[in-house]
Every structure is written in C-alpha cells, then in structure tokens.
Protein backbone atom coordinates (compact mmCIF):
# COMPACT_ATOMS: atom_id res chain seq x y z
CA MET A 1 0.00 0.00 0.00
CA PRO A 2 1.46 3.42 -0.93
CA ARG A 3 2.64 5.64 1.86
CA LYS A 4 1.25 9.09 2.52
CA VAL A 5 3.40 12.15 1.89
CA LYS A 6 3.31 12.99 5.61
CA ASP A 7 5.12 9.72 6.36
CA PHE A 8 8.31 10.62 4.49
CA MET A 9 8.35 14.35 3.66
CA THR A 10 11.18 16.50 4.97
CA MET A 11 9.64 18.49 7.80
CA LYS A 12 12.55 20.82 8.51
CA VAL A 13 11.92 23.19 5.62
CA ILE A 14 14.24 26.09 4.93
CA THR A 15 12.15 28.93 3.51
CA ALA A 16 12.70 32.51 2.43
CA ARG A 17 10.52 35.59 2.04
CA PRO A 18 9.73 37.27 -1.29
CA ASP A 19 11.82 40.31 -0.37
CA SER A 20 14.96 38.18 0.13
CA THR A 21 17.60 38.57 -2.54
CA LEU A 22 18.46 35.78 -4.93
CA ARG A 23 21.92 35.78 -3.36
CA GLN A 24 20.43 35.13 0.10
CA VAL A 25 18.33 32.26 -1.24
CA VAL A 26 21.27 30.67 -3.04
CA GLU A 27 23.35 31.00 0.13
CA LEU A 28 20.59 29.20 2.06
CA MET A 29 20.66 26.40 -0.51
CA TYR A 30 24.44 26.11 -0.33
CA ARG A 31 24.75 26.29 3.48
CA ASN A 32 21.95 23.79 4.06
CA LYS A 33 22.85 21.48 1.14
CA ILE A 34 19.33 21.64 -0.29
CA GLY A 35 18.04 21.80 -3.82
CA ALA A 36 15.03 24.07 -3.35
CA VAL A 37 13.76 26.87 -1.16
CA PRO A 38 10.03 27.50 -0.88
CA ILE A 39 9.19 31.20 -0.81
CA VAL A 40 6.53 32.05 1.77
CA ASP A 41 4.61 35.15 2.76
CA GLU A 42 4.54 36.58 6.30
CA SER A 43 1.98 33.90 7.30
CA GLY A 44 4.10 31.03 6.01
CA ARG A 45 1.88 30.49 2.95
CA SER A 46 3.45 29.20 -0.24
CA VAL A 47 3.89 31.93 -2.86
CA GLY A 48 6.86 30.61 -4.85
CA ILE A 49 9.88 28.35 -5.05
CA VAL A 50 13.50 28.59 -6.20
CA THR A 51 15.34 25.42 -7.24
CA LYS A 52 18.85 24.48 -8.35
CA ARG A 53 17.53 24.39 -11.91
CA ASP A 54 16.34 28.00 -11.52
CA VAL A 55 19.75 29.09 -10.24
CA ILE A 56 21.43 27.65 -13.34
CA ARG A 57 18.97 29.57 -15.51
CA TYR A 58 19.74 32.77 -13.57
CA VAL A 59 23.47 32.34 -14.17
CA ILE A 60 23.01 31.68 -17.88
CA ASN A 61 20.74 34.72 -18.21
CA ASN A 62 23.06 36.98 -16.19
CA VAL A 63 20.39 37.75 -13.59
CA ASN A 64 21.46 40.18 -10.87
CA PHE A 65 21.65 38.09 -7.70
CA ASP A 66 21.05 41.19 -5.59
CA GLU A 67 17.49 41.50 -6.94
CA ARG A 68 14.53 40.40 -4.87
CA VAL A 69 13.64 36.73 -5.28
CA GLU A 70 9.98 37.56 -5.96
CA LEU A 71 11.04 38.94 -9.35
CA HIS A 72 12.46 35.58 -10.47
CA MET A 73 10.89 32.77 -8.40
CA THR A 74 8.44 30.28 -9.82
CA LYS A 75 5.18 31.78 -8.61
CA ASN A 76 2.32 29.69 -7.21
CA PRO A 77 4.22 26.40 -7.27
CA ILE A 78 2.48 23.08 -7.51
CA THR A 79 1.96 21.74 -4.00
CA VAL A 80 0.44 18.72 -2.29
CA THR A 81 -1.16 18.10 1.07
CA PRO A 82 0.29 15.64 3.60
CA ASP A 83 -2.41 13.03 2.99
CA VAL A 84 -1.63 12.60 -0.71
CA SER A 85 -0.24 9.16 -1.52
CA SER A 86 3.37 8.73 -2.51
CA VAL A 87 2.23 7.40 -5.89
CA GLU A 88 0.10 10.48 -6.58
CA ALA A 89 2.89 12.84 -5.48
CA LEU A 90 5.39 11.06 -7.72
CA ASN A 91 2.97 11.18 -10.65
CA ILE A 92 2.52 14.94 -10.13
CA MET A 93 6.29 15.45 -10.10
CA ARG A 94 6.73 13.37 -13.26
CA ALA A 95 3.84 15.05 -15.10
CA HIS A 96 5.23 18.52 -14.39
CA ASN A 97 8.93 17.59 -14.65
CA ILE A 98 9.72 18.95 -11.20
CA GLY A 99 12.14 17.64 -8.62
CA HIS A 100 10.75 19.37 -5.53
CA LEU A 101 7.22 19.56 -4.23
CA PRO A 102 6.21 21.74 -1.27
CA VAL A 103 3.76 20.13 1.16
CA VAL A 104 1.13 22.52 2.52
CA ASN A 105 -1.67 22.38 5.05
CA GLU A 106 -5.25 23.59 4.52
CA GLU A 107 -4.16 27.25 4.83
CA ARG A 108 -1.40 26.72 2.21
CA ARG A 109 1.29 27.06 4.89
CA VAL A 110 4.42 25.12 4.03
CA ILE A 111 4.83 22.22 6.46
CA GLY A 112 7.19 20.00 4.47
CA ILE A 113 8.88 19.38 1.15
CA LEU A 114 9.48 16.37 -1.07
CA SER A 115 12.35 15.81 -3.45
CA THR A 116 12.89 12.99 -5.89
CA MET A 117 15.61 11.73 -3.53
CA ASP A 118 12.94 11.09 -0.88
CA PHE A 119 11.36 8.50 -3.18
CA PHE A 120 14.67 6.65 -3.50
CA ILE A 121 15.00 6.62 0.28
CA ILE A 122 11.59 5.01 0.80
CA GLY A 123 12.06 2.66 -2.16
CA GLU A 124 9.31 4.09 -4.38
CA LEU A 125 11.67 4.59 -7.34
C-alpha cells in the first residue's frame, strides 16, 4: 500500500521571504545542502519556489543576484497536502517535470517538502 506524503516528507523546511535577494536564497541552498527553497509570505503560505535548476537559468541569463527573489521565483508552485499518496505525489512530479514539491496544510502554509531523492530513500523509485 502506498505511503502518505506525511510519512516521508522532509519536515525541517528552509524557507525565504519574497523580499529576500536571490543571493540570500542561493546561500541558504548552499549552506543547508538543499536543492530548493520554498518562498513564503509573512503567514508562512506558499507563494513561490526557487530550485537548483532556476539558479542555473539565472546564471546563464546573467540575472542580478542582488534582486529580490519575488522577481524571479516560480510563482504559485504546484503543491500537495500531507495526505496525498506517494504514488500520486510522484505522478505529479513526473507530469510537471519537477524535482521538488512543497507540502502545505489547509491554509497553504508550508509544512514540508518532497524531493525525488525522498522517493529513493523510501524505495518508491
């Protein structure tokens, strides 16, 4: 029987605010050895995400890393709730070609995150 997202999501989520700079977000990724940073509003609600793939695009396009992240983040990212099955979450990630999936509660507050690596860990891939 497939597991629920809440059973294997990463619960210690490093987030940033929309007024953070790209440089600050990339530093968070580097210091914490993570591949994505959900961007949240003052209430902790999901408003965007920045991933390693985005950072590569910023470098190629000569984006100013001192600009606010809200100007470049992926807005309104695809999210799941903690009770979604691992199979459904994986299918969402495959269908949208994404490697990170924020997990939100009913108020859209970020409470966890999934990466494709999490599926290897639990043996779903």
